[in-house]
C-alpha atoms as a PDB file:
ATOM      1  CA  MET A   1     -43.878 -12.422   3.708  1.00  0.00           C
ATOM      2  CA  GLU A   2     -42.894  -8.791   4.262  1.00  0.00           C
ATOM      3  CA  GLN A   3     -39.339  -7.793   3.355  1.00  0.00           C
ATOM      4  CA  THR A   4     -37.352  -5.990   6.044  1.00  0.00           C
ATOM      5  CA  GLN A   5     -36.569  -2.429   5.040  1.00  0.00           C
ATOM      6  CA  ARG A   6     -33.038  -1.201   5.704  1.00  0.00           C
ATOM      7  CA  ASN A   7     -32.303   2.201   7.188  1.00  0.00           C
ATOM      8  CA  ILE A   8     -30.309   4.221   4.621  1.00  0.00           C
ATOM      9  CA  GLY A   9     -28.903   6.439   7.373  1.00  0.00           C
ATOM     10  CA  MET A  10     -27.349   3.475   9.147  1.00  0.00           C
ATOM     11  CA  GLU A  11     -25.970   2.181   5.860  1.00  0.00           C
ATOM     12  CA  LEU A  12     -24.211   5.511   5.325  1.00  0.00           C
ATOM     13  CA  VAL A  13     -22.867   5.353   8.878  1.00  0.00           C
ATOM     14  CA  ARG A  14     -21.306   1.990   7.961  1.00  0.00           C
ATOM     15  CA  ALA A  15     -19.487   3.646   5.041  1.00  0.00           C
ATOM     16  CA  THR A  16     -18.165   6.406   7.305  1.00  0.00           C
ATOM     17  CA  GLU A  17     -17.157   3.902   9.967  1.00  0.00           C
ATOM     18  CA  ALA A  18     -15.285   1.725   7.450  1.00  0.00           C
ATOM     19  CA  ALA A  19     -13.369   4.744   6.139  1.00  0.00           C
ATOM     20  CA  ALA A  20     -12.487   5.919   9.645  1.00  0.00           C
ATOM     21  CA  THR A  21     -11.270   2.491  10.705  1.00  0.00           C
ATOM     22  CA  ILE A  22      -8.847   2.084   7.816  1.00  0.00           C
ATOM     23  CA  ALA A  23      -7.742   5.740   7.916  1.00  0.00           C
ATOM     24  CA  ALA A  24      -6.779   5.426  11.575  1.00  0.00           C
ATOM     25  CA  GLN A  25      -4.325   2.658  10.771  1.00  0.00           C
ATOM     26  CA  HIS A  26      -2.383   4.953   8.420  1.00  0.00           C
ATOM     27  CA  LEU A  27      -2.777   8.166  10.416  1.00  0.00           C
ATOM     28  CA  ASP A  28      -1.136   6.498  13.400  1.00  0.00           C
ATOM     29  CA  ARG A  29       1.991   6.217  11.241  1.00  0.00           C
ATOM     30  CA  GLY A  30       1.735   9.811   9.960  1.00  0.00           C
ATOM     31  CA  GLU A  31       0.766   8.748   6.426  1.00  0.00           C
ATOM     32  CA  LEU A  32      -1.869  11.369   5.562  1.00  0.00           C
ATOM     33  CA  ASP A  33      -1.951  10.826   1.773  1.00  0.00           C
ATOM     34  CA  THR A  34      -2.041   7.043   2.118  1.00  0.00           C
ATOM     35  CA  SER A  35      -4.687   7.373   4.803  1.00  0.00           C
ATOM     36  CA  ASN A  36      -6.925   9.514   2.616  1.00  0.00           C
ATOM     37  CA  ALA A  37      -6.592   7.160  -0.368  1.00  0.00           C
ATOM     38  CA  ALA A  38      -7.280   4.050   1.728  1.00  0.00           C
ATOM     39  CA  ALA A  39     -10.272   5.695   3.419  1.00  0.00           C
ATOM     40  CA  ALA A  40     -11.748   6.797   0.088  1.00  0.00           C
ATOM     41  CA  ASN A  41     -11.347   3.334  -1.430  1.00  0.00           C
ATOM     42  CA  GLU A  42     -12.963   1.709   1.609  1.00  0.00           C
ATOM     43  CA  MET A  43     -15.839   4.213   1.653  1.00  0.00           C
ATOM     44  CA  LYS A  44     -16.452   3.651  -2.071  1.00  0.00           C
ATOM     45  CA  ALA A  45     -16.534  -0.140  -1.572  1.00  0.00           C
ATOM     46  CA  VAL A  46     -19.178   0.123   1.159  1.00  0.00           C
ATOM     47  CA  LEU A  47     -21.221   2.754  -0.704  1.00  0.00           C
ATOM     48  CA  GLN A  48     -21.450   0.423  -3.711  1.00  0.00           C
ATOM     49  CA  THR A  49     -23.325  -2.137  -1.555  1.00  0.00           C
ATOM     50  CA  ILE A  50     -26.051   0.314  -0.465  1.00  0.00           C
ATOM     51  CA  GLU A  51     -29.346   0.104  -2.301  1.00  0.00           C
ATOM     52  CA  MET A  52     -29.439   3.622  -3.705  1.00  0.00           C
ATOM     53  CA  ASP A  53     -28.918   5.385  -7.009  1.00  0.00           C
ATOM     54  CA  ALA A  54     -26.656   8.230  -5.919  1.00  0.00           C
ATOM     55  CA  VAL A  55     -24.301  10.692  -7.548  1.00  0.00           C
ATOM     56  CA  VAL A  56     -21.417  12.352  -5.729  1.00  0.00           C
ATOM     57  CA  ALA A  57     -22.254  16.081  -5.767  1.00  0.00           C
ATOM     58  CA  ILE A  58     -19.154  17.093  -3.796  1.00  0.00           C
ATOM     59  CA  GLY A  59     -16.338  14.633  -3.256  1.00  0.00           C
ATOM     60  CA  GLU A  60     -12.590  14.229  -3.125  1.00  0.00           C
ATOM     61  CA  GLY A  61     -11.806  16.269  -6.243  1.00  0.00           C
ATOM     62  CA  THR A  62     -11.701  15.396  -9.916  1.00  0.00           C
ATOM     63  CA  SER A  63     -11.117  12.035 -11.532  1.00  0.00           C
ATOM     64  CA  LYS A  64      -7.548  13.087 -12.406  1.00  0.00           C
ATOM     65  CA  GLU A  65      -6.695  14.332  -8.905  1.00  0.00           C
ATOM     66  CA  PHE A  66      -8.242  11.439  -7.029  1.00  0.00           C
ATOM     67  CA  PRO A  67      -9.549   8.266  -8.698  1.00  0.00           C
ATOM     68  CA  VAL A  68     -12.542   7.578  -6.419  1.00  0.00           C
ATOM     69  CA  LEU A  69     -15.356   9.585  -4.875  1.00  0.00           C
ATOM     70  CA  PHE A  70     -15.028  12.480  -7.279  1.00  0.00           C
ATOM     71  CA  GLN A  71     -17.814  14.812  -8.342  1.00  0.00           C
ATOM     72  CA  GLY A  72     -20.143  13.056 -10.784  1.00  0.00           C
ATOM     73  CA  ASP A  73     -19.139   9.548  -9.688  1.00  0.00           C
ATOM     74  CA  SER A  74     -21.980   7.120  -9.081  1.00  0.00           C
ATOM     75  CA  ALA A  75     -22.520   5.441  -5.731  1.00  0.00           C
ATOM     76  CA  GLY A  76     -24.789   2.623  -4.680  1.00  0.00           C
ATOM     77  CA  THR A  77     -26.291  -0.337  -6.469  1.00  0.00           C
ATOM     78  CA  GLY A  78     -28.152   1.859  -8.950  1.00  0.00           C
ATOM     79  CA  LYS A  79     -31.519   0.807  -7.525  1.00  0.00           C
ATOM     80  CA  GLY A  80     -33.661   2.371  -4.837  1.00  0.00           C
ATOM     81  CA  LEU A  81     -33.415   5.840  -3.381  1.00  0.00           C
ATOM     82  CA  LYS A  82     -32.162   8.512  -5.784  1.00  0.00           C
ATOM     83  CA  ALA A  83     -29.849  10.982  -4.088  1.00  0.00           C
ATOM     84  CA  ASP A  84     -26.944  13.366  -4.414  1.00  0.00           C
ATOM     85  CA  ILE A  85     -24.296  12.836  -1.760  1.00  0.00           C
ATOM     86  CA  VAL A  86     -21.559  15.032  -0.348  1.00  0.00           C
ATOM     87  CA  LEU A  87     -18.612  13.280   1.225  1.00  0.00           C
ATOM     88  CA  ASP A  88     -15.030  13.375   2.276  1.00  0.00           C
ATOM     89  CA  ALA A  89     -13.468  10.099   3.313  1.00  0.00           C
ATOM     90  CA  ILE A  90     -11.316  11.462   6.134  1.00  0.00           C
ATOM     91  CA  GLU A  91     -13.892  13.887   7.536  1.00  0.00           C
ATOM     92  CA  GLY A  92     -16.863  11.599   6.903  1.00  0.00           C
END
């Protein structure tokens, strides 16, 4: 039986969509910092489910400035496609 192959592009769209959805809830109340943090946490959670072995090349900042999605952070399950990713939770 042949295993269905997932489209990595659509998986990354899911991460962007999840971040945008949660960010909108906070932005509607004018909470930019809270919005950015919530979006980054949500994006990280979805990225960790994607079958890839990725490293954040450009992200939210440093580990001290922002605890998730910083440069050098790993993303994905650690298996599959090897990639460097550039991201910003609010801008996608």
